[in-house]
PDB file of N, CA and C in Angstrom:
ATOM      1  N   MET A   1      50.323  16.726  -7.872  1.00  0.00           N
ATOM      2  CA  MET A   1      49.435  16.262  -8.459  1.00  0.00           C
ATOM      3  C   MET A   1      48.475  17.568  -8.692  1.00  0.00           C
ATOM      4  N   ASN A   2      47.929  17.734  -9.998  1.00  0.00           N
ATOM      5  CA  ASN A   2      47.008  18.796 -10.439  1.00  0.00           C
ATOM      6  C   ASN A   2      45.525  18.343 -10.331  1.00  0.00           C
ATOM      7  N   ASN A   3      44.661  18.978  -9.378  1.00  0.00           N
ATOM      8  CA  ASN A   3      43.433  18.381  -9.147  1.00  0.00           C
ATOM      9  C   ASN A   3      42.336  19.601 -10.234  1.00  0.00           C
ATOM     10  N   HIS A   4      43.052  19.880 -11.359  1.00  0.00           N
ATOM     11  CA  HIS A   4      42.237  20.689 -12.133  1.00  0.00           C
ATOM     12  C   HIS A   4      40.943  20.211 -12.714  1.00  0.00           C
ATOM     13  N   PHE A   5      40.967  18.858 -13.274  1.00  0.00           N
ATOM     14  CA  PHE A   5      39.879  18.148 -13.787  1.00  0.00           C
ATOM     15  C   PHE A   5      39.199  17.408 -12.760  1.00  0.00           C
ATOM     16  N   CYS A   6      39.505  17.426 -11.577  1.00  0.00           N
ATOM     17  CA  CYS A   6      38.859  16.533 -10.592  1.00  0.00           C
ATOM     18  C   CYS A   6      37.326  17.093 -10.208  1.00  0.00           C
ATOM     19  N   LYS A   7      36.301  16.396 -10.271  1.00  0.00           N
ATOM     20  CA  LYS A   7      34.762  16.804 -10.079  1.00  0.00           C
ATOM     21  C   LYS A   7      34.128  15.953  -8.937  1.00  0.00           C
ATOM     22  N   VAL A   8      35.061  15.228  -8.286  1.00  0.00           N
ATOM     23  CA  VAL A   8      34.787  14.582  -7.133  1.00  0.00           C
ATOM     24  C   VAL A   8      34.251  15.734  -5.971  1.00  0.00           C
ATOM     25  N   GLY A   9      33.043  15.261  -5.676  1.00  0.00           N
ATOM     26  CA  GLY A   9      32.244  16.307  -4.468  1.00  0.00           C
ATOM     27  C   GLY A   9      31.936  17.636  -5.071  1.00  0.00           C
ATOM     28  N   LYS A  10      31.917  17.860  -6.177  1.00  0.00           N
ATOM     29  CA  LYS A  10      31.409  19.313  -6.734  1.00  0.00           C
ATOM     30  C   LYS A  10      30.377  19.049  -7.795  1.00  0.00           C
ATOM     31  N   ILE A  11      29.674  17.862  -7.997  1.00  0.00           N
ATOM     32  CA  ILE A  11      28.557  17.589  -8.821  1.00  0.00           C
ATOM     33  C   ILE A  11      27.593  17.129  -7.523  1.00  0.00           C
ATOM     34  N   LYS A  12      26.543  18.035  -7.600  1.00  0.00           N
ATOM     35  CA  LYS A  12      25.596  17.580  -6.597  1.00  0.00           C
ATOM     36  C   LYS A  12      24.169  17.160  -7.632  1.00  0.00           C
ATOM     37  N   PHE A  13      23.579  16.042  -7.331  1.00  0.00           N
ATOM     38  CA  PHE A  13      22.325  15.972  -7.902  1.00  0.00           C
ATOM     39  C   PHE A  13      21.110  16.064  -7.175  1.00  0.00           C
ATOM     40  N   GLY A  14      19.983  16.501  -7.605  1.00  0.00           N
ATOM     41  CA  GLY A  14      18.725  16.585  -6.657  1.00  0.00           C
ATOM     42  C   GLY A  14      17.908  15.179  -6.913  1.00  0.00           C
ATOM     43  N   LEU A  15      16.916  15.128  -6.132  1.00  0.00           N
ATOM     44  CA  LEU A  15      16.103  13.838  -6.153  1.00  0.00           C
ATOM     45  C   LEU A  15      15.493  13.791  -7.477  1.00  0.00           C
ATOM     46  N   SER A  16      15.207  14.619  -8.302  1.00  0.00           N
ATOM     47  CA  SER A  16      14.632  14.478  -9.509  1.00  0.00           C
ATOM     48  C   SER A  16      15.228  14.043 -10.499  1.00  0.00           C
ATOM     49  N   GLU A  17      16.772  14.300 -10.189  1.00  0.00           N
ATOM     50  CA  GLU A  17      17.879  13.760 -11.433  1.00  0.00           C
ATOM     51  C   GLU A  17      18.058  12.283 -11.304  1.00  0.00           C
ATOM     52  N   VAL A  18      17.916  11.950  -9.933  1.00  0.00           N
ATOM     53  CA  VAL A  18      18.410  10.762  -9.580  1.00  0.00           C
ATOM     54  C   VAL A  18      17.108   9.435  -9.610  1.00  0.00           C
ATOM     55  N   LEU A  19      16.009   9.960  -9.106  1.00  0.00           N
ATOM     56  CA  LEU A  19      14.755   9.112  -9.156  1.00  0.00           C
ATOM     57  C   LEU A  19      13.759   9.588 -10.221  1.00  0.00           C
ATOM     58  N   ASN A  20      13.248   8.434 -10.868  1.00  0.00           N
ATOM     59  CA  ASN A  20      12.068   8.481 -11.785  1.00  0.00           C
ATOM     60  C   ASN A  20      10.640   8.535 -11.082  1.00  0.00           C
ATOM     61  N   LEU A  21      10.157   9.677 -11.262  1.00  0.00           N
ATOM     62  CA  LEU A  21       8.841   9.913 -10.833  1.00  0.00           C
ATOM     63  C   LEU A  21       7.678   8.882 -10.979  1.00  0.00           C
ATOM     64  N   LYS A  22       7.881   8.436 -12.441  1.00  0.00           N
ATOM     65  CA  LYS A  22       6.751   7.482 -12.827  1.00  0.00           C
ATOM     66  C   LYS A  22       7.098   6.133 -12.074  1.00  0.00           C
ATOM     67  N   GLU A  23       8.423   5.575 -12.042  1.00  0.00           N
ATOM     68  CA  GLU A  23       8.688   4.261 -11.344  1.00  0.00           C
ATOM     69  C   GLU A  23       8.462   4.353  -9.801  1.00  0.00           C
ATOM     70  N   VAL A  24       8.880   5.421  -9.162  1.00  0.00           N
ATOM     71  CA  VAL A  24       8.496   5.448  -7.886  1.00  0.00           C
ATOM     72  C   VAL A  24       6.967   5.460  -7.518  1.00  0.00           C
ATOM     73  N   GLU A  25       6.005   6.293  -8.351  1.00  0.00           N
ATOM     74  CA  GLU A  25       4.559   6.246  -8.477  1.00  0.00           C
ATOM     75  C   GLU A  25       4.103   4.739  -8.476  1.00  0.00           C
ATOM     76  N   HIS A  26       4.727   3.928  -9.641  1.00  0.00           N
ATOM     77  CA  HIS A  26       4.270   2.560  -9.877  1.00  0.00           C
ATOM     78  C   HIS A  26       4.656   1.651  -8.612  1.00  0.00           C
ATOM     79  N   ASN A  27       6.028   1.908  -8.300  1.00  0.00           N
ATOM     80  CA  ASN A  27       6.244   0.880  -6.690  1.00  0.00           C
ATOM     81  C   ASN A  27       5.273   1.475  -5.594  1.00  0.00           C
ATOM     82  N   TYR A  28       5.152   2.684  -5.294  1.00  0.00           N
ATOM     83  CA  TYR A  28       4.054   2.829  -4.376  1.00  0.00           C
ATOM     84  C   TYR A  28       2.845   2.180  -4.582  1.00  0.00           C
ATOM     85  N   LEU A  29       2.151   2.153  -5.964  1.00  0.00           N
ATOM     86  CA  LEU A  29       0.877   1.636  -6.030  1.00  0.00           C
ATOM     87  C   LEU A  29       1.059   0.072  -5.716  1.00  0.00           C
ATOM     88  N   LYS A  30       1.967  -0.579  -6.276  1.00  0.00           N
ATOM     89  CA  LYS A  30       2.426  -1.943  -6.220  1.00  0.00           C
ATOM     90  C   LYS A  30       2.452  -2.562  -4.789  1.00  0.00           C
ATOM     91  N   PHE A  31       3.134  -1.772  -3.982  1.00  0.00           N
ATOM     92  CA  PHE A  31       3.130  -1.726  -2.544  1.00  0.00           C
ATOM     93  C   PHE A  31       1.895  -1.844  -1.736  1.00  0.00           C
ATOM     94  N   SER A  32       1.364  -0.627  -2.234  1.00  0.00           N
ATOM     95  CA  SER A  32       0.116  -0.356  -1.452  1.00  0.00           C
ATOM     96  C   SER A  32      -0.967  -1.806  -1.673  1.00  0.00           C
ATOM     97  N   GLU A  33      -1.104  -1.917  -3.119  1.00  0.00           N
ATOM     98  CA  GLU A  33      -2.020  -3.046  -3.335  1.00  0.00           C
ATOM     99  C   GLU A  33      -1.666  -4.395  -2.866  1.00  0.00           C
ATOM    100  N   GLU A  34      -0.390  -4.648  -2.589  1.00  0.00           N
ATOM    101  CA  GLU A  34       0.174  -6.036  -2.200  1.00  0.00           C
ATOM    102  C   GLU A  34      -0.141  -5.985  -0.569  1.00  0.00           C
ATOM    103  N   ALA A  35       0.171  -4.847  -0.054  1.00  0.00           N
ATOM    104  CA  ALA A  35      -0.196  -4.923   1.384  1.00  0.00           C
ATOM    105  C   ALA A  35      -1.893  -4.695   1.749  1.00  0.00           C
ATOM    106  N   TYR A  36      -2.496  -4.360   1.069  1.00  0.00           N
ATOM    107  CA  TYR A  36      -3.968  -4.876   0.827  1.00  0.00           C
ATOM    108  C   TYR A  36      -4.334  -6.187   0.855  1.00  0.00           C
ATOM    109  N   ASN A  37      -3.721  -6.709  -0.152  1.00  0.00           N
ATOM    110  CA  ASN A  37      -4.047  -8.155  -0.607  1.00  0.00           C
ATOM    111  C   ASN A  37      -3.742  -9.147   0.776  1.00  0.00           C
ATOM    112  N   LEU A  38      -2.424  -8.753   1.217  1.00  0.00           N
ATOM    113  CA  LEU A  38      -1.992  -9.655   2.348  1.00  0.00           C
ATOM    114  C   LEU A  38      -2.471  -9.353   3.782  1.00  0.00           C
ATOM    115  N   MET A  39      -3.384  -8.383   4.023  1.00  0.00           N
ATOM    116  CA  MET A  39      -3.857  -7.603   5.257  1.00  0.00           C
ATOM    117  C   MET A  39      -4.470  -8.868   6.252  1.00  0.00           C
ATOM    118  N   GLN A  40      -5.303  -9.708   5.595  1.00  0.00           N
ATOM    119  CA  GLN A  40      -5.854 -10.821   6.228  1.00  0.00           C
ATOM    120  C   GLN A  40      -4.795 -12.012   6.568  1.00  0.00           C
ATOM    121  N   THR A  41      -4.129 -12.110   5.567  1.00  0.00           N
ATOM    122  CA  THR A  41      -3.194 -13.728   5.774  1.00  0.00           C
ATOM    123  C   THR A  41      -2.016 -13.324   6.538  1.00  0.00           C
ATOM    124  N   ASP A  42      -1.135 -12.214   6.255  1.00  0.00           N
ATOM    125  CA  ASP A  42       0.023 -12.107   6.801  1.00  0.00           C
ATOM    126  C   ASP A  42       0.277 -10.739   7.391  1.00  0.00           C
ATOM    127  N   SER A  43      -0.294 -10.260   8.505  1.00  0.00           N
ATOM    128  CA  SER A  43      -0.289  -8.892   9.060  1.00  0.00           C
ATOM    129  C   SER A  43       0.989  -8.149   8.801  1.00  0.00           C
ATOM    130  N   ALA A  44       1.962  -9.144   9.571  1.00  0.00           N
ATOM    131  CA  ALA A  44       3.334  -8.525   9.498  1.00  0.00           C
ATOM    132  C   ALA A  44       3.772  -7.946   8.347  1.00  0.00           C
ATOM    133  N   LEU A  45       4.006  -8.823   7.220  1.00  0.00           N
ATOM    134  CA  LEU A  45       4.101  -8.350   5.582  1.00  0.00           C
ATOM    135  C   LEU A  45       3.618  -7.290   5.399  1.00  0.00           C
ATOM    136  N   SER A  46       2.025  -7.437   5.753  1.00  0.00           N
ATOM    137  CA  SER A  46       1.067  -6.120   5.279  1.00  0.00           C
ATOM    138  C   SER A  46       1.706  -4.766   5.840  1.00  0.00           C
ATOM    139  N   ASP A  47       2.183  -4.979   7.291  1.00  0.00           N
ATOM    140  CA  ASP A  47       2.497  -3.837   7.930  1.00  0.00           C
ATOM    141  C   ASP A  47       3.828  -3.075   7.365  1.00  0.00           C
ATOM    142  N   PHE A  48       4.819  -4.058   6.974  1.00  0.00           N
ATOM    143  CA  PHE A  48       5.879  -3.767   6.316  1.00  0.00           C
ATOM    144  C   PHE A  48       5.769  -3.219   4.920  1.00  0.00           C
ATOM    145  N   LEU A  49       4.944  -3.485   4.161  1.00  0.00           N
ATOM    146  CA  LEU A  49       4.635  -2.934   2.801  1.00  0.00           C
ATOM    147  C   LEU A  49       3.783  -1.883   2.925  1.00  0.00           C
ATOM    148  N   TYR A  50       3.113  -1.463   3.883  1.00  0.00           N
ATOM    149  CA  TYR A  50       2.344  -0.351   4.341  1.00  0.00           C
ATOM    150  C   TYR A  50       3.624   0.950   4.588  1.00  0.00           C
ATOM    151  N   GLU A  51       4.334   0.504   5.536  1.00  0.00           N
ATOM    152  CA  GLU A  51       5.722   1.199   5.865  1.00  0.00           C
ATOM    153  C   GLU A  51       6.322   1.663   4.473  1.00  0.00           C
ATOM    154  N   GLU A  52       6.579   0.969   3.618  1.00  0.00           N
ATOM    155  CA  GLU A  52       7.563   1.016   2.728  1.00  0.00           C
ATOM    156  C   GLU A  52       6.913   2.086   1.588  1.00  0.00           C
ATOM    157  N   ALA A  53       5.400   1.802   1.356  1.00  0.00           N
ATOM    158  CA  ALA A  53       4.508   2.468   0.800  1.00  0.00           C
ATOM    159  C   ALA A  53       4.338   3.935   1.025  1.00  0.00           C
ATOM    160  N   SER A  54       4.406   4.166   2.478  1.00  0.00           N
ATOM    161  CA  SER A  54       4.217   5.520   2.986  1.00  0.00           C
ATOM    162  C   SER A  54       5.756   6.294   2.734  1.00  0.00           C
ATOM    163  N   LYS A  55       6.841   5.570   2.829  1.00  0.00           N
ATOM    164  CA  LYS A  55       8.253   5.976   2.554  1.00  0.00           C
ATOM    165  C   LYS A  55       8.296   6.729   1.148  1.00  0.00           C
ATOM    166  N   LEU A  56       7.863   5.785   0.353  1.00  0.00           N
ATOM    167  CA  LEU A  56       7.847   6.092  -1.153  1.00  0.00           C
ATOM    168  C   LEU A  56       6.584   7.432  -1.298  1.00  0.00           C
ATOM    169  N   LYS A  57       5.752   7.460  -0.575  1.00  0.00           N
ATOM    170  CA  LYS A  57       4.880   8.535  -0.646  1.00  0.00           C
ATOM    171  C   LYS A  57       5.441   9.512  -0.570  1.00  0.00           C
ATOM    172  N   LYS A  58       6.266   9.866   0.576  1.00  0.00           N
ATOM    173  CA  LYS A  58       7.032  10.951   1.133  1.00  0.00           C
ATOM    174  C   LYS A  58       7.965  11.427  -0.213  1.00  0.00           C
ATOM    175  N   ILE A  59       8.801  10.422  -0.726  1.00  0.00           N
ATOM    176  CA  ILE A  59       9.456  10.606  -1.816  1.00  0.00           C
ATOM    177  C   ILE A  59       8.839  11.260  -3.085  1.00  0.00           C
ATOM    178  N   ILE A  60       7.795  10.621  -3.093  1.00  0.00           N
ATOM    179  CA  ILE A  60       6.849  11.401  -4.230  1.00  0.00           C
ATOM    180  C   ILE A  60       6.414  12.791  -4.213  1.00  0.00           C
ATOM    181  N   LEU A  61       6.182  13.107  -2.849  1.00  0.00           N
ATOM    182  CA  LEU A  61       5.703  14.471  -2.544  1.00  0.00           C
ATOM    183  C   LEU A  61       6.926  15.393  -2.413  1.00  0.00           C
ATOM    184  N   ASN A  62       7.975  14.891  -2.318  1.00  0.00           N
ATOM    185  CA  ASN A  62       9.143  15.654  -2.317  1.00  0.00           C
ATOM    186  C   ASN A  62       9.756  15.818  -3.891  1.00  0.00           C
ATOM    187  N   LEU A  63       9.356  14.866  -4.711  1.00  0.00           N
ATOM    188  CA  LEU A  63       9.902  14.939  -5.957  1.00  0.00           C
ATOM    189  C   LEU A  63       8.845  15.915  -6.812  1.00  0.00           C
ATOM    190  N   LYS A  64       7.538  16.032  -6.281  1.00  0.00           N
ATOM    191  CA  LYS A  64       6.738  16.557  -6.979  1.00  0.00           C
ATOM    192  C   LYS A  64       6.704  18.280  -6.406  1.00  0.00           C
ATOM    193  N   ASN A  65       7.422  18.439  -5.261  1.00  0.00           N
ATOM    194  CA  ASN A  65       7.555  19.774  -4.812  1.00  0.00           C
ATOM    195  C   ASN A  65       8.875  20.293  -5.444  1.00  0.00           C
ATOM    196  N   ALA A  66      10.074  19.493  -5.581  1.00  0.00           N
ATOM    197  CA  ALA A  66      11.210  19.943  -6.138  1.00  0.00           C
ATOM    198  C   ALA A  66      11.028  20.295  -7.715  1.00  0.00           C
ATOM    199  N   ASN A  67       9.853  19.775  -8.241  1.00  0.00           N
ATOM    200  CA  ASN A  67       9.658  20.133  -9.870  1.00  0.00           C
ATOM    201  C   ASN A  67       8.930  21.430  -9.813  1.00  0.00           C
ATOM    202  N   THR A  68       8.305  21.915  -9.018  1.00  0.00           N
ATOM    203  CA  THR A  68       7.599  23.193  -8.934  1.00  0.00           C
ATOM    204  C   THR A  68       8.664  24.250  -8.495  1.00  0.00           C
ATOM    205  N   ASN A  69       8.396  25.365  -9.123  1.00  0.00           N
ATOM    206  CA  ASN A  69       9.476  26.699  -8.720  1.00  0.00           C
ATOM    207  C   ASN A  69       8.553  27.718  -8.040  1.00  0.00           C
ATOM    208  N   ASP A  70       7.229  27.569  -7.427  1.00  0.00           N
ATOM    209  CA  ASP A  70       6.576  28.008  -6.984  1.00  0.00           C
ATOM    210  C   ASP A  70       6.789  28.278  -5.485  1.00  0.00           C
ATOM    211  N   VAL A  71       7.054  29.531  -4.689  1.00  0.00           N
ATOM    212  CA  VAL A  71       7.506  29.505  -3.373  1.00  0.00           C
ATOM    213  C   VAL A  71       5.999  29.507  -2.688  1.00  0.00           C
ATOM    214  N   ASP A  72       6.131  28.552  -1.607  1.00  0.00           N
ATOM    215  CA  ASP A  72       4.663  28.687  -0.707  1.00  0.00           C
ATOM    216  C   ASP A  72       4.959  29.332   0.577  1.00  0.00           C
ATOM    217  N   ALA A  73       4.033  30.587   0.597  1.00  0.00           N
ATOM    218  CA  ALA A  73       4.552  31.369   1.990  1.00  0.00           C
ATOM    219  C   ALA A  73       3.254  31.363   2.847  1.00  0.00           C
ATOM    220  N   VAL A  74       3.753  31.334   4.030  1.00  0.00           N
ATOM    221  CA  VAL A  74       2.295  31.059   5.066  1.00  0.00           C
ATOM    222  C   VAL A  74       2.162  32.787   5.674  1.00  0.00           C
ATOM    223  N   PHE A  75       1.249  33.252   5.374  1.00  0.00           N
ATOM    224  CA  PHE A  75       1.186  34.652   6.043  1.00  0.00           C
ATOM    225  C   PHE A  75       0.014  34.503   7.093  1.00  0.00           C
TER     226      PHE A  75
END
């Protein structure tokens, strides 16, 4: 069997190619607002939404850092 045209495992995508930054930012704002609105009525759901929003915030920061080509060095 000839694997000349096989690309399985040879193509890797970055986060910016898989996730749309605008969509992730929209979901972050939606989760944050919904968590704030539910803070007094359902604290468990509010905590869950805040946790999801913090995960999305990390993804947003990673996407924004991946888009910049600047090298940050600490001296």
